[in-house]
C-alpha cells in the first residue's frame, strides 16, 4: 500500500468508527437505562434499552439528554392501549435482570 492509500484507509476508519459503535464509551454518570416490570412476576425488572448518546440537551448535559429520551420512551410505551407493564428509567448502565417471584 502506498502512503496515500494508508492515509485514506485510516481516515475512512476514523469516520466510520462512531457509526459502527467502536470506541464508544459514555461515562456511567451520563447513561440512563430503561427497565420494565412484568405482569406475571412481581418484583421483576427487565432491561429494555440503554440511552448513552454523546449529545447534549440545549443548555444541558449528556445525562439530561439521555434522561429526557428515556423518560419519553417510558411514557410512550405506557400510553399504549392495554399495556399493564410499568416502564422506568435509572441512571447508569444496565444492571442484571431480576426475574421476580
Protein backbone atom coordinates (compact mmCIF):
# COMPACT_ATOMS: atom_id res chain seq x y z
CA UNK A 1 0.00 0.00 0.00
CA UNK A 2 1.13 3.50 -0.67
CA UNK A 3 1.14 6.18 1.97
CA UNK A 4 -1.79 7.83 0.27
CA UNK A 5 -3.84 4.62 0.40
CA UNK A 6 -2.96 4.01 4.04
CA UNK A 7 -3.94 7.57 4.93
CA UNK A 8 -7.25 7.17 3.10
CA UNK A 9 -7.99 3.89 4.92
CA UNK A 10 -7.16 5.43 8.31
CA UNK A 11 -9.33 8.46 7.56
CA UNK A 12 -12.25 6.28 6.47
CA UNK A 13 -11.87 4.07 9.56
CA UNK A 14 -11.86 7.15 11.82
CA UNK A 15 -15.03 8.46 10.17
CA UNK A 16 -16.86 5.14 10.42
CA UNK A 17 -15.79 4.22 13.94
CA UNK A 18 -18.51 6.21 15.78
CA UNK A 19 -21.16 4.89 13.40
CA UNK A 20 -20.07 1.31 13.94
CA UNK A 21 -20.09 1.83 17.70
CA UNK A 22 -16.40 1.11 18.12
CA UNK A 23 -14.51 3.14 20.71
CA UNK A 24 -17.84 4.47 22.02
CA UNK A 25 -17.96 4.89 25.77
CA UNK A 26 -20.07 7.36 27.68
CA UNK A 27 -19.26 7.76 31.39
CA UNK A 28 -21.61 5.89 33.75
CA UNK A 29 -22.96 9.12 35.25
CA UNK A 30 -24.24 10.25 31.81
CA UNK A 31 -26.01 6.99 30.92
CA UNK A 32 -29.68 6.17 31.55
CA UNK A 33 -31.26 2.71 31.28
CA UNK A 34 -34.91 1.88 30.63
CA UNK A 35 -36.42 -1.09 32.51
CA UNK A 36 -39.82 -2.75 32.55
CA UNK A 37 -41.78 -4.78 35.04
CA UNK A 38 -43.70 -7.99 34.41
CA UNK A 39 -47.43 -8.62 34.75
CA UNK A 40 -46.81 -12.25 35.73
CA UNK A 41 -43.88 -11.88 38.12
CA UNK A 42 -43.90 -9.35 40.96
CA UNK A 43 -40.58 -7.67 41.62
CA UNK A 44 -39.23 -8.43 38.15
CA UNK A 45 -37.01 -5.93 36.36
CA UNK A 46 -36.02 -6.39 32.71
CA UNK A 47 -33.61 -4.28 30.68
CA UNK A 48 -35.31 -2.65 27.68
CA UNK A 49 -32.87 -0.03 26.37
CA UNK A 50 -29.77 1.92 27.27
CA UNK A 51 -29.54 5.59 26.42
CA UNK A 52 -25.86 6.51 26.09
CA UNK A 53 -25.83 9.24 23.44
CA UNK A 54 -22.93 11.64 23.45
CA UNK A 55 -25.27 14.51 22.52
CA UNK A 56 -26.39 17.15 24.99
CA UNK A 57 -29.64 18.98 25.58
CA UNK A 58 -29.69 22.68 24.77
CA UNK A 59 -28.07 24.20 27.82
CA UNK A 60 -27.99 20.79 29.48
CA UNK A 61 -25.73 17.79 29.90
CA UNK A 62 -25.42 14.37 28.28
CA UNK A 63 -27.29 12.97 31.28
CA UNK A 64 -30.15 15.47 30.73
CA UNK A 65 -30.38 14.44 27.07
CA UNK A 66 -30.37 10.71 27.83
CA UNK A 67 -32.79 11.10 30.75
CA UNK A 68 -35.27 13.04 28.61
CA UNK A 69 -35.14 10.42 25.84
CA UNK A 70 -35.55 7.57 28.33
CA UNK A 71 -38.50 9.11 30.17
CA UNK A 72 -40.18 9.99 26.87
CA UNK A 73 -39.77 6.39 25.74
CA UNK A 74 -41.19 5.08 29.02
CA UNK A 75 -44.21 7.40 28.80
CA UNK A 76 -44.93 6.48 25.18
CA UNK A 77 -44.73 2.76 25.94
CA UNK A 78 -47.06 3.01 28.95
CA UNK A 79 -49.54 5.11 26.96
CA UNK A 80 -50.18 2.24 24.54
CA UNK A 81 -53.63 0.65 24.87
CA UNK A 82 -53.75 -2.47 27.04
CA UNK A 83 -50.18 -2.08 28.35
CA UNK A 84 -50.07 -3.09 32.00
CA UNK A 85 -46.31 -3.25 32.37
CA UNK A 86 -44.52 -0.40 34.08
CA UNK A 87 -41.51 1.28 32.48
CA UNK A 88 -38.98 3.40 34.35
CA UNK A 89 -35.53 4.90 33.97
CA UNK A 90 -32.46 4.56 36.17
CA UNK A 91 -29.11 6.28 35.96
CA UNK A 92 -26.19 4.13 34.80
CA UNK A 93 -25.55 1.16 32.57
CA UNK A 94 -27.92 -1.81 32.67
CA UNK A 95 -27.97 -3.97 35.78
CA UNK A 96 -28.71 -7.69 35.58
CA UNK A 97 -32.35 -8.62 35.07
CA UNK A 98 -34.32 -9.67 38.13
CA UNK A 99 -36.77 -12.50 37.45
CA UNK A 100 -39.02 -11.67 40.40
CA UNK A 101 -41.25 -14.13 42.25
